[in-house]
Amino acid sequence: MVLLSAVGVLLLGACGTLRAGSDGAATAPTTPTESERWQTFAPIRVTAARLADDRRSLSVDAEVPGRGKTCVRDVKAVVTDTSDRTVWVQVTYSALTGSSPRSDCRATATATAKVRLPSPLGHRVLSVDNFTAFTADGADPPHLRLCGELGCHPAPTGCTSASYDQAVMALDVPNHTSRGDEHCDGKWLVFDVSSRMGPACPEGAGPGCGASLADRWFFRAEKSGWQPIARSTKAGCTDVHGIEPAFPSALCADLPPLKRTN
């Protein structure tokens, strides 16, 4: 079975003229047999993007199947839409379907597609295949910066809900962790998080189904966002002051101890 991209099959018309990467992942076509046919796919994933000095000539690196010379062909990129905030680019490649791939097509390789943007990217976001985003802001030219789960421009540190959401994502905590009251002065932040433990249980189930584990996290504002500096279950400021004496007592002195609930 031919290796498919995680995005799935995109039956798209070919448009634009681009080159493949220097590793030979995309090369001249081969003649399919009666049981085979070429189909168009989105790449397995997009790994990098770069802009030339004109800020319009874009190169996109994409992971595609195989290192063999007939594994994929026609690696292409095309601008599908633009706005004052975003430029959308779609990357595709063609691969044979209907037969088992050769051994050299079962691995993956990087192919590079090029396209010229209608105008310089500027401060707009580059969205590739609607799943991967890049920005020139804060990037090291010619490379664009890969945006994260919080987008290309996460909420700055501050005493706002969006900023607190960013702080939770900086923690190694389970999904669906809930956040308690926040104590914040713009430079320092503390809040409790509660994570459900044990198996999923229906509402009104017996003891053990409502168990939760609570922790108190302390943060310092950095250029990259809220950075966790300490965790505790004790009352007051003892634990955080053992690590960061500058943490304001006014934010933690009256905090009660935490304990697991059942």
Protein backbone atom coordinates (compact mmCIF):
# COMPACT_ATOMS: atom_id res chain seq x y z
CA MET A 1 0.00 0.00 0.00
CA VAL A 2 1.41 3.36 -0.97
CA LEU A 3 2.40 5.59 1.95
CA LEU A 4 -0.18 8.36 2.19
CA SER A 5 0.15 11.76 3.82
CA ALA A 6 -1.39 12.42 7.20
CA VAL A 7 -3.65 14.97 5.60
CA GLY A 8 -5.07 12.48 3.16
CA VAL A 9 -5.50 12.39 -0.56
CA LEU A 10 -6.02 15.68 -2.32
CA LEU A 11 -7.26 15.22 -5.84
CA LEU A 12 -6.01 18.52 -7.09
CA GLY A 13 -5.11 19.88 -10.47
CA ALA A 14 -1.42 20.65 -10.96
CA CYS A 15 -0.58 24.35 -11.13
CA GLY A 16 2.62 26.37 -10.92
CA THR A 17 6.07 25.13 -11.81
CA LEU A 18 8.42 24.23 -8.97
CA ARG A 19 11.50 22.16 -8.41
CA ALA A 20 12.08 19.20 -6.13
CA GLY A 21 14.75 18.99 -3.46
CA SER A 22 18.35 18.22 -4.28
CA ASP A 23 18.08 14.77 -2.73
CA GLY A 24 16.12 13.59 -5.78
CA ALA A 25 12.82 12.94 -3.98
CA ALA A 26 10.88 14.26 -6.97
CA THR A 27 12.09 13.30 -10.42
CA ALA A 28 11.02 12.46 -13.93
CA PRO A 29 7.77 10.52 -14.30
CA THR A 30 7.61 6.81 -14.83
CA THR A 31 5.09 4.96 -16.96
CA PRO A 32 2.42 3.34 -14.74
CA THR A 33 1.14 -0.15 -15.34
CA GLU A 34 -2.54 -0.90 -15.96
CA SER A 35 -3.09 -1.42 -12.22
CA GLU A 36 -1.36 1.85 -11.27
CA ARG A 37 -2.14 5.51 -11.66
CA TRP A 38 -0.63 8.80 -10.50
CA GLN A 39 -2.58 10.65 -7.81
CA THR A 40 -1.97 13.94 -6.05
CA PHE A 41 -1.34 14.12 -2.30
CA ALA A 42 -0.53 16.67 0.37
CA PRO A 43 2.91 16.16 1.94
CA ILE A 44 3.34 14.07 5.07
CA ARG A 45 4.36 17.26 6.83
CA VAL A 46 5.90 20.65 6.12
CA THR A 47 9.21 21.14 7.92
CA ALA A 48 10.59 24.56 6.98
CA ALA A 49 10.08 27.69 4.90
CA ARG A 50 12.49 30.34 3.64
CA LEU A 51 12.25 33.69 1.85
CA ALA A 52 14.82 35.08 -0.57
CA ASP A 53 16.10 38.64 -0.27
CA ASP A 54 13.17 39.96 -2.31
CA ARG A 55 10.81 38.67 0.46
CA ARG A 56 8.61 37.14 -2.27
CA SER A 57 10.53 34.08 -3.51
CA LEU A 58 9.43 31.31 -1.15
CA SER A 59 10.97 27.85 -0.65
CA VAL A 60 9.03 25.23 1.32
CA ASP A 61 10.55 21.97 2.58
CA ALA A 62 8.13 19.04 2.77
CA GLU A 63 8.45 15.42 3.83
CA VAL A 64 7.39 13.01 1.08
CA PRO A 65 7.61 9.23 0.57
CA GLY A 66 10.80 7.58 -0.50
CA ARG A 67 14.29 8.27 -1.75
CA GLY A 68 13.84 6.36 -4.99
CA LYS A 69 13.82 8.20 -8.31
CA THR A 70 10.28 7.09 -9.14
CA CYS A 71 8.68 7.39 -5.68
CA VAL A 72 7.14 10.83 -6.22
CA ARG A 73 7.05 13.50 -8.92
CA ASP A 74 5.67 16.98 -9.52
CA VAL A 75 6.35 18.45 -6.08
CA LYS A 76 4.64 21.83 -6.37
CA ALA A 77 3.52 24.85 -4.40
CA VAL A 78 0.89 27.40 -5.35
CA VAL A 79 -0.54 30.49 -3.66
CA THR A 80 -4.24 29.81 -3.13
CA ASP A 81 -5.31 33.04 -1.41
CA THR A 82 -4.03 36.18 0.31
CA SER A 83 -5.33 38.73 2.79
CA ASP A 84 -3.87 41.59 4.79
CA ARG A 85 -2.99 39.07 7.54
CA THR A 86 -2.32 35.75 5.83
CA VAL A 87 -0.86 34.19 2.68
CA TRP A 88 -2.12 30.68 1.96
CA VAL A 89 0.11 28.25 0.07
CA GLN A 90 -0.65 24.67 -0.90
CA VAL A 91 2.08 22.05 -1.46
CA THR A 92 1.35 18.82 -3.34
CA TYR A 93 3.15 15.91 -4.95
CA SER A 94 2.15 12.97 -7.16
CA ALA A 95 2.69 9.28 -6.36
CA LEU A 96 1.67 5.99 -7.93
CA THR A 97 -1.25 4.16 -6.39
CA GLY A 98 -2.54 0.66 -6.95
CA SER A 99 0.63 -1.30 -6.20
CA SER A 100 2.97 -2.03 -3.31
CA PRO A 101 5.80 0.52 -3.07
CA ARG A 102 9.37 -0.54 -3.60
CA SER A 103 11.58 -0.72 -0.52
CA ASP A 104 13.27 2.60 -1.34
CA CYS A 105 9.85 4.31 -1.36
CA ARG A 106 8.89 3.19 2.14
CA ALA A 107 11.26 5.65 3.81
CA THR A 108 10.77 9.42 3.58
CA ALA A 109 12.76 12.24 2.05
CA THR A 110 12.67 16.03 1.96
CA ALA A 111 11.60 17.78 -1.23
CA THR A 112 11.67 21.54 -1.77
CA ALA A 113 8.99 23.42 -3.68
CA LYS A 114 9.32 27.05 -4.77
CA VAL A 115 6.71 29.69 -5.52
CA ARG A 116 6.74 33.46 -5.95
CA LEU A 117 4.33 35.36 -3.72
CA PRO A 118 2.17 38.10 -5.30
CA SER A 119 3.77 40.63 -2.92
CA PRO A 120 6.34 40.58 -0.08
CA LEU A 121 5.18 38.55 2.93
CA GLY A 122 5.93 41.36 5.39
CA HIS A 123 4.38 40.75 8.81
CA ARG A 124 1.68 38.44 7.47
CA VAL A 125 1.38 34.80 8.47
CA LEU A 126 2.28 32.13 5.92
CA SER A 127 -0.20 29.23 6.14
CA VAL A 128 0.95 26.08 4.33
CA ASP A 129 -1.72 23.45 3.60
CA ASN A 130 -3.89 25.05 6.33
CA PHE A 131 -2.05 23.07 9.02
CA THR A 132 1.41 24.64 9.35
CA ALA A 133 2.05 28.35 9.87
CA PHE A 134 5.19 30.47 9.67
CA THR A 135 6.02 34.12 10.31
CA ALA A 136 8.94 36.39 9.48
CA ASP A 137 8.52 38.15 12.83
CA GLY A 138 11.28 37.12 15.20
CA ALA A 139 12.75 34.81 12.56
CA ASP A 140 16.38 34.49 11.49
CA PRO A 141 16.41 35.36 7.76
CA PRO A 142 16.09 33.73 5.31
CA HIS A 143 14.32 31.14 7.48
CA LEU A 144 10.78 31.82 8.66
CA ARG A 145 9.79 30.99 12.22
CA LEU A 146 7.52 27.97 12.68
CA CYS A 147 4.48 28.98 14.71
CA GLY A 148 3.39 26.92 17.71
CA GLU A 149 0.15 25.68 19.20
CA LEU A 150 -0.65 29.19 20.41
CA GLY A 151 -0.23 30.62 16.92
CA CYS A 152 2.40 32.92 15.49
CA HIS A 153 1.79 35.71 17.96
CA PRO A 154 0.81 34.26 21.37
CA ALA A 155 -0.72 36.56 23.93
CA PRO A 156 2.00 38.55 25.71
CA THR A 157 2.53 37.99 29.39
CA GLY A 158 0.04 39.95 31.42
CA CYS A 159 -2.93 39.49 33.69
CA THR A 160 -5.35 38.27 31.00
CA SER A 161 -7.19 35.01 30.36
CA ALA A 162 -5.32 34.46 27.08
CA SER A 163 -2.04 34.93 28.92
CA TYR A 164 -3.07 32.42 31.61
CA ASP A 165 -3.98 29.89 28.90
CA GLN A 166 -0.46 30.31 27.54
CA ALA A 167 0.96 29.63 31.01
CA VAL A 168 -1.01 26.36 31.33
CA MET A 169 0.35 25.18 27.98
CA ALA A 170 3.88 25.70 29.31
CA LEU A 171 3.23 23.06 31.98
CA ASP A 172 3.64 19.29 31.74
CA VAL A 173 0.06 18.56 32.79
CA PRO A 174 -2.67 16.27 31.38
CA ASN A 175 -5.25 17.46 28.89
CA HIS A 176 -8.41 18.98 30.35
CA THR A 177 -6.54 20.32 33.39
CA SER A 178 -8.58 23.04 35.04
CA ARG A 179 -7.13 26.31 36.34
CA GLY A 180 -8.02 27.95 39.64
CA ASP A 181 -7.91 31.60 40.70
CA GLU A 182 -4.96 33.57 39.41
CA HIS A 183 -2.83 35.98 41.41
CA CYS A 184 -0.89 38.20 39.03
CA ASP A 185 0.93 41.54 38.93
CA GLY A 186 2.11 41.44 35.30
CA LYS A 187 5.62 40.20 36.10
CA TRP A 188 4.78 37.33 38.45
CA LEU A 189 1.91 34.85 38.40
CA VAL A 190 0.63 32.00 40.54
CA PHE A 191 -2.39 29.74 40.13
CA ASP A 192 -3.57 26.24 41.06
CA VAL A 193 -4.28 23.51 38.52
CA SER A 194 -6.41 20.44 39.09
CA SER A 195 -6.13 17.25 37.03
CA ARG A 196 -8.65 14.42 37.17
CA MET A 197 -7.16 11.05 38.02
CA GLY A 198 -8.18 7.43 37.37
CA PRO A 199 -10.65 6.03 34.83
CA ALA A 200 -13.34 8.04 33.12
CA CYS A 201 -16.59 7.68 35.06
CA PRO A 202 -20.18 8.72 34.45
CA GLU A 203 -21.66 11.55 36.43
CA GLY A 204 -22.75 10.43 39.89
CA ALA A 205 -20.43 7.39 39.95
CA GLY A 206 -19.00 6.03 43.19
CA PRO A 207 -15.88 6.98 45.17
CA GLY A 208 -12.64 7.27 43.22
CA CYS A 209 -14.23 8.55 40.04
CA GLY A 210 -14.02 12.14 41.17
CA ALA A 211 -10.40 11.99 42.36
CA SER A 212 -8.20 14.90 41.35
CA LEU A 213 -4.61 15.95 41.86
CA ALA A 214 -3.89 19.62 42.53
CA ASP A 215 -0.66 21.58 42.17
CA ARG A 216 0.23 25.23 42.60
CA TRP A 217 2.45 26.72 39.93
CA PHE A 218 4.51 29.91 40.12
CA PHE A 219 5.62 31.82 37.00
CA ARG A 220 7.93 34.62 35.96
CA ALA A 221 7.30 36.73 32.86
CA GLU A 222 9.93 36.26 30.14
CA LYS A 223 10.14 37.56 26.57
CA SER A 224 8.95 34.15 25.31
CA GLY A 225 5.97 34.06 27.70
CA TRP A 226 5.20 32.88 31.22
CA GLN A 227 7.96 30.57 32.46
CA PRO A 228 7.18 28.17 35.35
CA ILE A 229 9.72 28.54 38.15
CA ALA A 230 8.28 26.44 40.98
CA ARG A 231 5.46 24.12 41.97
CA SER A 232 4.07 23.42 45.43
CA THR A 233 1.19 22.09 47.46
CA LYS A 234 2.15 23.96 50.64
CA ALA A 235 0.54 27.08 52.04
CA GLY A 236 2.10 30.48 51.48
CA CYS A 237 5.35 31.31 49.72
CA THR A 238 7.86 28.91 51.32
CA ASP A 239 8.54 26.72 48.29
CA VAL A 240 8.73 29.48 45.69
CA HIS A 241 10.94 31.68 47.90
CA GLY A 242 13.36 28.77 48.21
CA ILE A 243 13.84 29.00 44.42
CA GLU A 244 13.06 32.65 43.65
CA PRO A 245 13.20 34.98 46.67
CA ALA A 246 12.02 37.90 44.54
CA PHE A 247 8.54 36.42 44.06
CA PRO A 248 6.15 38.93 45.70
CA SER A 249 4.79 37.76 49.03
CA ALA A 250 1.60 39.69 48.34
CA LEU A 251 0.68 37.12 45.66
CA CYS A 252 1.20 33.99 47.74
CA ALA A 253 1.29 34.71 51.48
CA ASP A 254 -2.42 33.96 52.01
CA LEU A 255 -2.65 30.87 49.78
CA PRO A 256 -3.91 27.75 51.57
CA PRO A 257 -2.31 24.27 51.29
CA LEU A 258 -3.50 21.92 48.56
CA LYS A 259 -4.34 18.27 48.81
CA ARG A 260 -5.73 15.51 46.64
CA THR A 261 -9.49 15.11 46.67
CA ASN A 262 -11.41 11.83 46.39
